[in-house]
Protein backbone atom coordinates (compact mmCIF):
# COMPACT_ATOMS: atom_id res chain seq x y z
CA UNK A 1 0.00 0.00 0.00
CA UNK A 2 2.85 2.33 0.83
CA UNK A 3 4.54 1.60 -2.49
CA UNK A 4 1.31 2.28 -4.37
CA UNK A 5 0.84 5.57 -2.54
CA UNK A 6 4.41 6.58 -3.29
CA UNK A 7 4.03 5.83 -7.00
CA UNK A 8 0.81 7.84 -7.14
CA UNK A 9 2.45 10.82 -5.45
CA UNK A 10 5.52 10.72 -7.70
CA UNK A 11 5.59 13.73 -10.04
CA UNK A 12 7.01 13.40 -13.55
CA UNK A 13 10.04 15.47 -14.50
CA UNK A 14 8.08 17.60 -16.98
CA UNK A 15 5.42 18.33 -14.33
CA UNK A 16 8.13 19.29 -11.85
CA UNK A 17 9.70 21.58 -14.45
CA UNK A 18 6.37 23.33 -15.09
CA UNK A 19 5.79 23.66 -11.34
CA UNK A 20 9.21 25.21 -10.76
CA UNK A 21 8.73 27.44 -13.80
CA UNK A 22 5.54 28.85 -12.30
CA UNK A 23 7.12 29.24 -8.87
CA UNK A 24 10.07 31.04 -10.45
CA UNK A 25 7.79 33.54 -12.19
CA UNK A 26 5.87 34.19 -8.96
CA UNK A 27 9.06 34.68 -6.95
CA UNK A 28 10.47 37.00 -9.64
CA UNK A 29 7.32 39.12 -9.78
CA UNK A 30 7.11 39.33 -5.99
CA UNK A 31 10.75 40.05 -5.16
CA UNK A 32 11.79 41.81 -8.40
CA UNK A 33 15.44 42.81 -8.68
CA UNK A 34 16.19 41.15 -5.32
CA UNK A 35 16.32 37.73 -7.01
CA UNK A 36 18.49 38.81 -9.94
CA UNK A 37 21.39 36.89 -8.34
CA UNK A 38 19.59 33.61 -9.20
CA UNK A 39 20.68 34.16 -12.80
CA UNK A 40 24.10 32.80 -11.79
CA UNK A 41 22.56 29.49 -10.68
CA UNK A 42 20.72 29.26 -13.99
CA UNK A 43 23.92 29.93 -15.93
CA UNK A 44 25.77 27.22 -13.98
CA UNK A 45 23.07 24.71 -14.83
CA UNK A 46 23.06 25.66 -18.54
CA UNK A 47 26.85 25.30 -18.71
CA UNK A 48 26.57 21.85 -17.12
CA UNK A 49 24.08 20.91 -19.83
CA UNK A 50 26.42 22.25 -22.52
CA UNK A 51 29.40 20.37 -21.07
CA UNK A 52 28.73 17.10 -22.93
CA UNK A 53 26.88 18.37 -26.00
CA UNK A 54 29.75 19.10 -28.40
CA UNK A 55 31.55 15.80 -27.62
CA UNK A 56 28.19 14.05 -28.00
CA UNK A 57 27.62 15.66 -31.41
CA UNK A 58 31.05 14.53 -32.61
CA UNK A 59 30.78 10.94 -31.38
CA UNK A 60 27.15 10.55 -32.48
CA UNK A 61 27.86 11.76 -36.02
CA UNK A 62 30.93 9.55 -36.41
CA UNK A 63 29.07 6.46 -35.16
CA UNK A 64 25.96 7.22 -37.21
CA UNK A 65 27.79 7.68 -40.51
CA UNK A 66 30.47 5.06 -39.83
CA UNK A 67 27.81 2.40 -39.27
CA UNK A 68 26.30 2.94 -42.74
CA UNK A 69 27.47 1.83 -46.16
CA UNK A 70 27.92 4.28 -49.02
CA UNK A 71 24.53 3.62 -50.61
CA UNK A 72 22.74 4.13 -47.28
CA UNK A 73 24.66 7.38 -46.66
CA UNK A 74 23.68 8.76 -50.09
CA UNK A 75 20.06 7.71 -49.55
CA UNK A 76 20.03 9.45 -46.16
CA UNK A 77 21.48 12.66 -47.65
CA UNK A 78 18.88 12.67 -50.42
CA UNK A 79 15.89 11.95 -48.20
CA UNK A 80 17.08 14.28 -45.45
CA UNK A 81 17.42 17.14 -47.96
CA UNK A 82 13.88 16.60 -49.25
CA UNK A 83 12.46 16.61 -45.72
CA UNK A 84 14.42 19.76 -44.82
CA UNK A 85 13.11 21.64 -47.87
CA UNK A 86 9.56 20.48 -47.08
CA UNK A 87 9.76 21.77 -43.50
CA UNK A 88 11.35 25.05 -44.63
CA UNK A 89 8.46 25.57 -47.04
CA UNK A 90 5.82 24.90 -44.37
CA UNK A 91 7.56 27.24 -41.92
CA UNK A 92 7.89 30.08 -44.44
CA UNK A 93 4.19 29.87 -45.32
CA UNK A 94 3.30 30.27 -41.64
CA UNK A 95 5.79 33.13 -41.17
CA UNK A 96 4.18 35.18 -43.94
CA UNK A 97 0.83 34.90 -42.14
CA UNK A 98 2.13 37.18 -39.36
CA UNK A 99 1.21 40.51 -41.03
CA UNK A 100 -2.44 39.42 -41.11
CA UNK A 101 -2.49 39.53 -37.29
CA UNK A 102 -1.33 43.16 -37.11
CA UNK A 103 -4.14 45.74 -36.80
CA UNK A 104 -4.28 48.94 -38.85
CA UNK A 105 -1.62 51.18 -37.39
CA UNK A 106 -0.23 54.63 -38.22
CA UNK A 107 3.44 55.03 -37.42
CA UNK A 108 6.76 56.50 -38.51
CA UNK A 109 10.36 56.57 -37.34
CA UNK A 110 13.15 59.04 -36.70
CA UNK A 111 16.61 59.02 -38.19
CA UNK A 112 19.00 56.76 -36.34
CA UNK A 113 22.78 56.53 -36.49
CA UNK A 114 22.25 52.77 -36.78
CA UNK A 115 21.37 53.45 -40.43
CA UNK A 116 24.95 54.53 -41.14
CA UNK A 117 26.81 51.96 -39.04
CA UNK A 118 29.07 49.50 -40.84
CA UNK A 119 27.59 46.02 -41.07
CA UNK A 120 29.29 43.18 -39.23
CA UNK A 121 30.79 40.67 -41.65
CA UNK A 122 30.29 36.95 -41.19
CA UNK A 123 33.40 34.77 -41.42
CA UNK A 124 31.73 31.84 -43.16
CA UNK A 125 35.06 30.13 -43.83
CA UNK A 126 35.99 30.18 -40.14
CA UNK A 127 32.47 29.13 -39.19
CA UNK A 128 32.28 26.09 -41.48
CA UNK A 129 35.86 25.03 -42.27
CA UNK A 130 37.75 23.42 -39.32
CA UNK A 131 41.30 24.42 -40.25
CA UNK A 132 42.08 23.98 -36.54
CA UNK A 133 39.75 21.48 -34.87
CA UNK A 134 40.82 22.43 -31.36
CA UNK A 135 40.12 26.11 -32.04
CA UNK A 136 36.67 25.16 -33.34
CA UNK A 137 36.01 23.07 -30.23
CA UNK A 138 37.25 25.79 -27.86
CA UNK A 139 35.15 28.48 -29.55
CA UNK A 140 32.03 26.32 -29.89
CA UNK A 141 32.01 26.58 -33.70
CA UNK A 142 29.44 23.83 -34.16
CA UNK A 143 29.30 23.86 -38.01
CA UNK A 144 33.07 23.36 -38.26
CA UNK A 145 33.02 20.55 -35.68
CA UNK A 146 30.13 18.88 -37.52
CA UNK A 147 31.96 19.06 -40.85
CA UNK A 148 35.02 17.41 -39.28
CA UNK A 149 32.85 14.69 -37.71
CA UNK A 150 31.07 14.05 -41.02
CA UNK A 151 34.44 13.70 -42.76
CA UNK A 152 35.61 11.13 -40.18
CA UNK A 153 32.29 9.26 -40.32
CA UNK A 154 32.28 9.08 -44.13
CA UNK A 155 35.91 7.95 -44.11
CA UNK A 156 35.06 5.16 -41.65
CA UNK A 157 32.44 3.77 -44.05
CA UNK A 158 35.18 2.35 -46.25
CA UNK A 159 37.45 1.15 -43.43
CA UNK A 160 37.34 -2.64 -43.04
CA UNK A 161 38.34 -2.98 -39.37
CA UNK A 162 36.10 -0.23 -38.04
CA UNK A 163 33.97 -2.27 -35.65
CA UNK A 164 36.42 -1.94 -32.74
CA UNK A 165 36.59 1.85 -33.10
CA UNK A 166 32.81 2.12 -33.37
CA UNK A 167 32.35 -0.10 -30.30
CA UNK A 168 34.69 2.08 -28.22
CA UNK A 169 32.94 5.26 -29.36
CA UNK A 170 29.61 3.61 -28.57
CA UNK A 171 30.75 3.11 -24.97
CA UNK A 172 31.87 6.75 -24.84
CA UNK A 173 28.48 7.82 -26.22
CA UNK A 174 26.72 5.87 -23.46
CA UNK A 175 28.87 7.62 -20.83
CA UNK A 176 28.08 11.05 -22.28
CA UNK A 177 24.38 10.17 -22.31
CA UNK A 178 24.48 9.16 -18.62
CA UNK A 179 26.09 12.50 -17.71
CA UNK A 180 23.52 14.43 -19.75
CA UNK A 181 20.63 12.52 -18.14
CA UNK A 182 21.97 13.31 -14.66
CA UNK A 183 22.15 17.03 -15.42
CA UNK A 184 18.65 16.93 -16.92
CA UNK A 185 17.36 15.72 -13.54
CA UNK A 186 18.58 19.05 -12.13
CA UNK A 187 16.34 20.91 -14.59
CA UNK A 188 13.69 22.01 -12.03
CA UNK A 189 16.35 23.85 -10.00
CA UNK A 190 17.86 25.54 -13.05
CA UNK A 191 14.45 26.47 -14.46
CA UNK A 192 13.35 28.02 -11.17
CA UNK A 193 16.49 30.17 -11.05
CA UNK A 194 16.20 31.30 -14.68
CA UNK A 195 12.50 32.16 -14.55
CA UNK A 196 12.77 33.98 -11.22
CA UNK A 197 15.62 36.12 -12.54
CA UNK A 198 13.90 36.83 -15.88
CA UNK A 199 10.54 37.72 -14.31
CA UNK A 200 12.23 39.97 -11.76
CA UNK A 201 14.16 42.04 -14.31
CA UNK A 202 11.66 42.37 -17.21
CA UNK A 203 10.21 45.87 -17.54
CA UNK A 204 6.41 46.01 -17.87
CA UNK A 205 6.70 49.06 -20.11
CA UNK A 206 8.88 47.11 -22.55
CA UNK A 207 6.37 44.27 -22.62
CA UNK A 208 3.39 46.60 -23.12
CA UNK A 209 4.98 48.33 -26.09
CA UNK A 210 5.61 45.10 -27.97
CA UNK A 211 2.63 43.00 -26.96
CA UNK A 212 1.22 42.78 -30.50
CA UNK A 213 4.29 40.93 -31.74
CA UNK A 214 4.81 38.95 -28.54
CA UNK A 215 1.23 37.63 -28.44
CA UNK A 216 1.29 36.82 -32.17
CA UNK A 217 4.62 35.06 -31.87
CA UNK A 218 3.54 32.99 -28.86
CA UNK A 219 0.23 31.92 -30.41
CA UNK A 220 1.53 31.05 -33.87
CA UNK A 221 4.70 29.35 -32.62
CA UNK A 222 2.61 27.17 -30.29
CA UNK A 223 0.34 26.18 -33.19
CA UNK A 224 3.46 25.22 -35.15
CA UNK A 225 5.05 23.37 -32.22
CA UNK A 226 1.97 21.53 -30.97
CA UNK A 227 0.10 20.77 -34.20
CA UNK A 228 1.59 21.73 -37.59
CA UNK A 229 4.91 19.88 -37.14
CA UNK A 230 3.84 16.90 -34.99
CA UNK A 231 0.65 16.61 -37.05
CA UNK A 232 2.78 16.25 -40.19
CA UNK A 233 4.70 13.39 -38.54
CA UNK A 234 1.54 11.54 -37.53
CA UNK A 235 0.13 12.02 -41.05
CA UNK A 236 3.14 10.51 -42.84
CA UNK A 237 4.31 7.86 -40.32
CA UNK A 238 2.75 5.18 -38.07
CA UNK A 239 3.40 7.38 -35.03
CA UNK A 240 0.53 8.74 -32.97
CA UNK A 241 0.36 12.28 -31.61
CA UNK A 242 0.97 10.95 -28.10
CA UNK A 243 4.17 9.27 -29.31
CA UNK A 244 5.57 12.44 -30.85
CA UNK A 245 4.65 14.97 -28.15
CA UNK A 246 4.11 12.82 -25.06
CA UNK A 247 7.27 10.76 -25.41
CA UNK A 248 9.46 13.83 -25.90
CA UNK A 249 7.80 16.29 -23.51
CA UNK A 250 10.79 16.32 -21.13
CA UNK A 251 13.12 17.39 -23.94
CA UNK A 252 10.64 19.98 -25.24
CA UNK A 253 10.05 21.50 -21.80
CA UNK A 254 13.80 21.59 -21.13
CA UNK A 255 14.37 23.36 -24.46
CA UNK A 256 11.69 25.92 -23.59
CA UNK A 257 13.06 26.48 -20.09
CA UNK A 258 16.70 26.86 -21.11
CA UNK A 259 16.18 28.75 -24.35
CA UNK A 260 18.89 26.54 -25.87
CA UNK A 261 18.33 23.90 -28.55
CA UNK A 262 21.94 22.81 -28.31
CA UNK A 263 21.61 21.37 -24.81
CA UNK A 264 18.71 19.04 -25.67
CA UNK A 265 20.24 17.44 -28.78
CA UNK A 266 21.33 14.31 -26.85
CA UNK A 267 17.85 13.93 -25.37
CA UNK A 268 16.22 14.27 -28.80
CA UNK A 269 18.53 11.56 -30.15
CA UNK A 270 17.62 9.11 -27.38
CA UNK A 271 13.87 9.79 -27.59
CA UNK A 272 13.91 9.43 -31.39
CA UNK A 273 15.73 6.10 -31.09
CA UNK A 274 13.09 4.86 -28.67
CA UNK A 275 10.34 5.62 -31.19
CA UNK A 276 12.29 3.97 -34.03
CA UNK A 277 12.83 0.83 -31.94
CA UNK A 278 9.14 0.69 -31.04
CA UNK A 279 7.83 0.78 -34.62
CA UNK A 280 10.60 -0.51 -36.92
CA UNK A 281 11.39 -4.23 -37.22
CA UNK A 282 14.97 -3.49 -38.28
CA UNK A 283 15.77 -0.38 -36.26
CA UNK A 284 19.54 -0.27 -36.89
CA UNK A 285 19.29 1.82 -40.07
CA UNK A 286 16.80 4.19 -38.46
CA UNK A 287 18.95 4.64 -35.36
CA UNK A 288 21.98 5.42 -37.52
CA UNK A 289 19.90 7.99 -39.40
CA UNK A 290 18.87 9.60 -36.09
CA UNK A 291 22.51 9.84 -34.97
CA UNK A 292 23.33 11.70 -38.18
CA UNK A 293 20.26 13.90 -38.72
CA UNK A 294 19.99 15.46 -35.24
CA UNK A 295 23.53 16.88 -35.00
CA UNK A 296 23.76 17.66 -38.72
CA UNK A 297 20.46 19.58 -38.74
CA UNK A 298 21.81 21.95 -36.10
CA UNK A 299 23.90 23.62 -38.83
CA UNK A 300 20.91 24.56 -40.98
CA UNK A 301 18.33 27.26 -40.25
CA UNK A 302 15.59 25.65 -38.17
CA UNK A 303 12.05 26.89 -37.65
CA UNK A 304 13.01 29.03 -34.64
CA UNK A 305 15.51 30.93 -36.78
CA UNK A 306 13.18 31.18 -39.77
CA UNK A 307 10.53 32.68 -37.48
CA UNK A 308 12.98 35.57 -37.06
CA UNK A 309 11.71 36.76 -40.45
CA UNK A 310 8.42 37.56 -38.72
CA UNK A 311 10.18 40.26 -36.71
CA UNK A 312 11.28 42.01 -39.91
CA UNK A 313 7.63 42.07 -41.02
CA UNK A 314 6.59 43.37 -37.59
CA UNK A 315 9.32 46.03 -37.54
CA UNK A 316 8.12 47.34 -40.90
CA UNK A 317 4.54 47.60 -39.60
CA UNK A 318 5.66 49.10 -36.28
CA UNK A 319 7.88 51.78 -37.87
CA UNK A 320 5.63 52.68 -40.79
CA UNK A 321 7.98 51.15 -43.39
CA UNK A 322 5.83 48.11 -44.19
CA UNK A 323 7.45 45.29 -46.15
CA UNK A 324 5.58 44.93 -49.44
CA UNK A 325 4.52 41.54 -50.78
CA UNK A 326 6.80 41.98 -53.81
CA UNK A 327 9.76 42.03 -51.39
CA UNK A 328 8.83 38.67 -49.82
CA UNK A 329 10.83 36.51 -52.29
CA UNK A 330 13.97 38.60 -51.70
CA UNK A 331 13.46 38.49 -47.94
CA UNK A 332 12.84 34.74 -48.06
CA UNK A 333 15.91 33.89 -50.15
CA UNK A 334 18.36 36.27 -48.49
CA UNK A 335 16.85 35.57 -45.07
CA UNK A 336 17.40 31.82 -45.27
CA UNK A 337 20.98 32.38 -46.44
CA UNK A 338 21.81 34.92 -43.71
CA UNK A 339 20.27 32.71 -41.01
CA UNK A 340 23.10 30.23 -41.44
CA UNK A 341 24.90 32.80 -39.27
CA UNK A 342 23.88 34.16 -35.87
CA UNK A 343 20.45 35.82 -35.76
CA UNK A 344 21.98 38.95 -34.19
CA UNK A 345 23.93 39.39 -37.42
CA UNK A 346 21.13 38.27 -39.72
CA UNK A 347 18.40 40.57 -38.37
CA UNK A 348 20.18 43.92 -39.03
CA UNK A 349 21.06 42.65 -42.51
CA UNK A 350 17.43 41.75 -43.26
CA UNK A 351 16.13 45.06 -41.88
CA UNK A 352 18.49 46.94 -44.17
CA UNK A 353 17.55 44.68 -47.09
CA UNK A 354 13.88 45.72 -46.99
CA UNK A 355 14.62 49.35 -45.98
CA UNK A 356 13.33 49.15 -42.42
CA UNK A 357 15.21 51.35 -39.89
CA UNK A 358 17.91 49.24 -38.27
CA UNK A 359 17.31 50.77 -34.85
CA UNK A 360 14.32 48.38 -34.75
CA UNK A 361 16.94 45.76 -33.89
CA UNK A 362 16.84 47.00 -30.30
CA UNK A 363 13.20 45.89 -30.18
CA UNK A 364 14.26 42.46 -31.40
CA UNK A 365 16.61 42.17 -28.43
CA UNK A 366 13.78 43.20 -26.11
CA UNK A 367 11.26 40.71 -27.51
CA UNK A 368 13.87 37.98 -27.28
CA UNK A 369 13.49 37.93 -23.50
CA UNK A 370 10.17 36.13 -24.01
CA UNK A 371 10.07 34.94 -27.61
CA UNK A 372 13.44 33.17 -27.51
CA UNK A 373 12.01 30.39 -25.34
CA UNK A 374 9.09 29.75 -27.69
CA UNK A 375 11.53 29.85 -30.61
CA UNK A 376 13.65 27.17 -28.92
CA UNK A 377 10.59 25.01 -28.28
CA UNK A 378 9.71 25.37 -31.96
CA UNK A 379 13.29 24.56 -32.98
CA UNK A 380 13.30 21.41 -30.85
CA UNK A 381 10.05 20.23 -32.45
CA UNK A 382 11.41 21.11 -35.91
CA UNK A 383 14.54 19.03 -35.26
CA UNK A 384 12.44 16.16 -33.91
CA UNK A 385 10.10 16.30 -36.93
CA UNK A 386 12.98 16.33 -39.42
CA UNK A 387 14.66 13.44 -37.59
CA UNK A 388 11.57 11.24 -37.38
CA UNK A 389 10.55 11.85 -41.00
CA UNK A 390 14.07 11.12 -42.21
CA UNK A 391 14.56 8.03 -40.02
CA UNK A 392 11.15 6.50 -40.79
CA UNK A 393 11.77 7.17 -44.48
CA UNK A 394 15.05 5.23 -44.24
CA UNK A 395 13.15 2.35 -42.61
CA UNK A 396 10.53 2.34 -45.37
CA UNK A 397 7.77 3.40 -42.97
CA UNK A 398 6.91 6.73 -44.59
CA UNK A 399 3.49 6.48 -46.24
CA UNK A 400 1.53 9.18 -48.12
CA UNK A 401 -2.19 8.50 -47.71
CA UNK A 402 -4.28 11.04 -49.62
CA UNK A 403 -7.16 11.03 -47.13
CA UNK A 404 -4.83 11.60 -44.17
CA UNK A 405 -2.93 14.37 -45.98
CA UNK A 406 -6.15 16.17 -46.96
CA UNK A 407 -7.50 15.91 -43.40
CA UNK A 408 -4.21 17.30 -42.05
CA UNK A 409 -4.24 20.21 -44.52
CA UNK A 410 -7.87 21.12 -43.75
CA UNK A 411 -7.33 21.02 -39.98
CA UNK A 412 -4.11 23.02 -40.26
CA UNK A 413 -5.68 25.72 -42.45
CA UNK A 414 -8.67 26.01 -40.11
CA UNK A 415 -6.50 26.22 -36.99
CA UNK A 416 -4.20 28.84 -38.51
CA UNK A 417 -7.18 30.85 -39.82
CA UNK A 418 -8.83 30.86 -36.39
CA UNK A 419 -5.54 31.81 -34.70
CA UNK A 420 -4.67 34.62 -37.12
CA UNK A 421 -8.23 35.93 -37.31
CA UNK A 422 -8.65 35.78 -33.54
CA UNK A 423 -5.44 37.70 -32.94
CA UNK A 424 -6.36 40.36 -35.52
CA UNK A 425 -9.80 40.81 -33.93
CA UNK A 426 -8.36 40.93 -30.42
CA UNK A 427 -5.78 43.57 -31.32
CA UNK A 428 -8.28 45.66 -33.27
CA UNK A 429 -10.66 45.74 -30.30
CA UNK A 430 -8.14 46.26 -27.51
CA UNK A 431 -5.23 48.23 -29.00
CA UNK A 432 -5.47 52.02 -29.30
CA UNK A 433 -3.40 53.52 -32.09
CA UNK A 434 -2.57 56.80 -30.41
CA UNK A 435 -0.12 58.24 -32.93
CA UNK A 436 2.35 60.27 -30.88
CA UNK A 437 5.36 60.92 -33.11
CA UNK A 438 3.98 64.38 -34.01
CA UNK A 439 3.73 65.20 -30.30
CA UNK A 440 7.32 64.10 -29.80
CA UNK A 441 8.46 66.46 -32.56
CA UNK A 442 6.33 69.36 -31.34
CA UNK A 443 7.73 69.03 -27.80
CA UNK A 444 11.40 68.92 -28.77
CA UNK A 445 13.78 71.51 -27.31
CA UNK A 446 17.13 72.87 -28.44
CA UNK A 447 20.05 71.08 -26.78
CA UNK A 448 22.36 74.12 -26.73
CA UNK A 449 21.78 77.25 -24.65
CA UNK A 450 20.73 80.13 -26.91
CA UNK A 451 21.87 83.75 -26.79
CA UNK A 452 19.05 86.27 -26.09
CA UNK A 453 16.82 86.59 -29.14
CA UNK A 454 13.50 87.93 -30.36
CA UNK A 455 11.52 85.64 -32.66
CA UNK A 456 9.00 87.31 -34.96
CA UNK A 457 6.08 85.15 -36.10
CA UNK A 458 5.30 87.71 -38.84
CA UNK A 459 7.59 89.87 -40.96
CA UNK A 460 8.99 92.76 -38.84
CA UNK A 461 9.41 96.33 -40.15
CA UNK A 462 12.39 96.80 -42.45
CA UNK A 463 15.46 98.47 -40.94
CA UNK A 464 16.83 101.43 -42.85
CA UNK A 465 20.47 101.02 -43.76
CA UNK A 466 22.86 103.93 -43.06
CA UNK A 467 23.96 105.83 -46.17
CA UNK A 468 27.61 105.26 -45.39
CA UNK A 469 29.72 102.56 -43.75
CA UNK A 470 29.84 98.79 -44.05
CA UNK A 471 27.05 96.34 -43.21
CA UNK A 472 29.16 94.96 -40.36
CA UNK A 473 29.49 98.45 -38.83
CA UNK A 474 25.71 98.85 -38.99
CA UNK A 475 25.16 95.50 -37.21
CA UNK A 476 27.67 96.40 -34.50
CA UNK A 477 26.06 99.81 -34.03
CA UNK A 478 22.49 98.48 -33.55
CA UNK A 479 23.72 95.60 -31.33
CA UNK A 480 21.92 92.61 -32.82
CA UNK A 481 21.98 90.35 -35.90
CA UNK A 482 18.89 89.84 -38.03
CA UNK A 483 18.32 86.51 -39.81
CA UNK A 484 15.33 84.83 -41.41
CA UNK A 485 13.89 81.34 -41.05
CA UNK A 486 11.34 79.11 -42.75
CA UNK A 487 8.36 78.95 -40.44
CA UNK A 488 7.20 75.35 -40.99
CA UNK A 489 10.14 73.38 -42.34
CA UNK A 490 10.26 70.33 -40.03
CA UNK A 491 12.78 69.21 -38.84
CA UNK A 492 15.04 72.13 -39.85
CA UNK A 493 13.05 75.06 -38.43
CA UNK A 494 9.61 75.12 -36.81
CA UNK A 495 7.71 76.40 -33.77
CA UNK A 496 7.29 73.81 -30.98
CA UNK A 497 4.28 73.50 -28.66
CA UNK A 498 5.89 75.96 -26.22
CA UNK A 499 6.00 78.65 -28.90
CA UNK A 500 9.79 78.37 -29.28
CA UNK A 501 11.68 78.33 -32.56
CA UNK A 502 13.58 75.02 -32.79
CA UNK A 503 15.04 72.74 -35.44
CA UNK A 504 18.30 71.47 -36.87
CA UNK A 505 19.08 74.83 -38.52
CA UNK A 506 18.41 76.93 -35.44
C-alpha cells in the first residue's frame, strides 16, 4: 500500500519543471530585482548541460555515418534534404501569415545613427571550415566541428576494421548520455532560477509596447510546435500524436526552459531512437539515421531561426515602413541564407535589405526575453520532426495516404485561420493607435543654450540702412543680428508646442 501511494504521489520530471517554472515567475514578480542573483545558478546549470553536448555531437555523427554503407549514406542525404526543404516551405508559409495579425496602425520613425553603421561581416570560412579542430572546439564553432565529424564518419564507411573503433565510441556515447541525463534531472532547480531572474528584471513598459508581436509570436509558434509539425509526422508515419509529443515532452520542456536547442540534442537523439525501436522491425538503419540527422540539422536554419523573419515584417509595420509583398521573395531567399549565421547578425542585414530602420533591432533584443524560449521550443520540435521523418523514411515506414494528408491540410488551415483571425480581432478591439510621433516632434527643445533673441512670427518692419559705412558696422552699431527662417520646415526650423523656434538649422 505504501509503495502504491508513493508511486501515485511521484511527479514526472516535466510536471516538476512546469511547477518550478511557475514558482520562479511568482518569486520573480514578488521580489523583483532582489532575485536577480539567481541568474548565476541558472547559468551554472546551462553550462553543465552544454558540457557534454559538443563531444556528444562529434561521437554521435561519427558512429551514425560510420555504421552505414555508401549507398545508405547517399540515400540518407537525399531523403534528409527533401524533408528539410519540405519543412522550410511549411515554416515560411506560416511566417508570412504574421502581417495578417497586425491591426491597422499609423506610425513613422526618426533618423538613427544605426542606419549609417558599418555592417558586421560573417566569417563563413571560419564558421564552417575546421582548419584547426581544437580552435573550433574551444570556440564552440558547431558547423566546423560537424563538418570534421562528417568527414571522419564518411571515411570510416570504407574502413574494413572499423567495428572496434565504433564499439569504443559507442561506450563513450553511453557515458556522455548518462552525464547528460543526470544534469537533466537538475532541470527544475535551473528552471526556477532562470524564470525567477527573468521575471524579476523584465520591464512592464517594454512588454506593453511590444505586446502585438509577442502575443502573435507565442500563439503562432505554439500552433506550429503543438500541431503543424507533430501533425505532419503523424500524417506521414505510423506514429501517434501521443508518441511524438508525449514521449518527448521532457526534452521539449527543457528546451523551452533553457532557451537553448543545443543542450537538448542528446535527449532528442535518445527519444527518437526509442520511437524507431518501437515501430521498426529493423531499427539499426533508423537509429543510424537519427545519430546523423539530429547533430547535422543543427547547422541549418531551423524553424526558430526562420521565425525571425516575422520580426522584420513586424518592424516594418511598427515603424511605418511596411514590407511589401513583392519584397517577400527577396526576404525569403536572403533571409534563409543569412540565417546560417547568428540571428543577431542576420536581423540587421534583413532590416536593411527591406529598408526598415535598423534601430528596430533593439526591439528584437527586447522581444527575445520572451520569444526566444518559444523559438527554442519550436526549434526542438522542428529538429524532432525532421529526424523522425528522415529516419522513418530510411526504414521504409513513410506512407503518403491522400485522405490523411487532406484531413491534415484542412485542420491546419482552419486552426491557422482561427488563430490569425482571432489575434487580428483581439488587437483591433483592444489596441489604441494613439499616434504620438507628431507630439514628440512638437515638444522637442534645443540642446544648446541660446543667446538672447526675439523671434517674430510675422515679418517685422524693415530696418533702414545707413547711407555710409559697411554692413558689419551697422550691425555692430544696432547691437543685434537679423536673420530669417522658414516657419514650418520640419525638422530644420519650426515652432514647438511651447512657442519656441527650434530645429536642426536653429
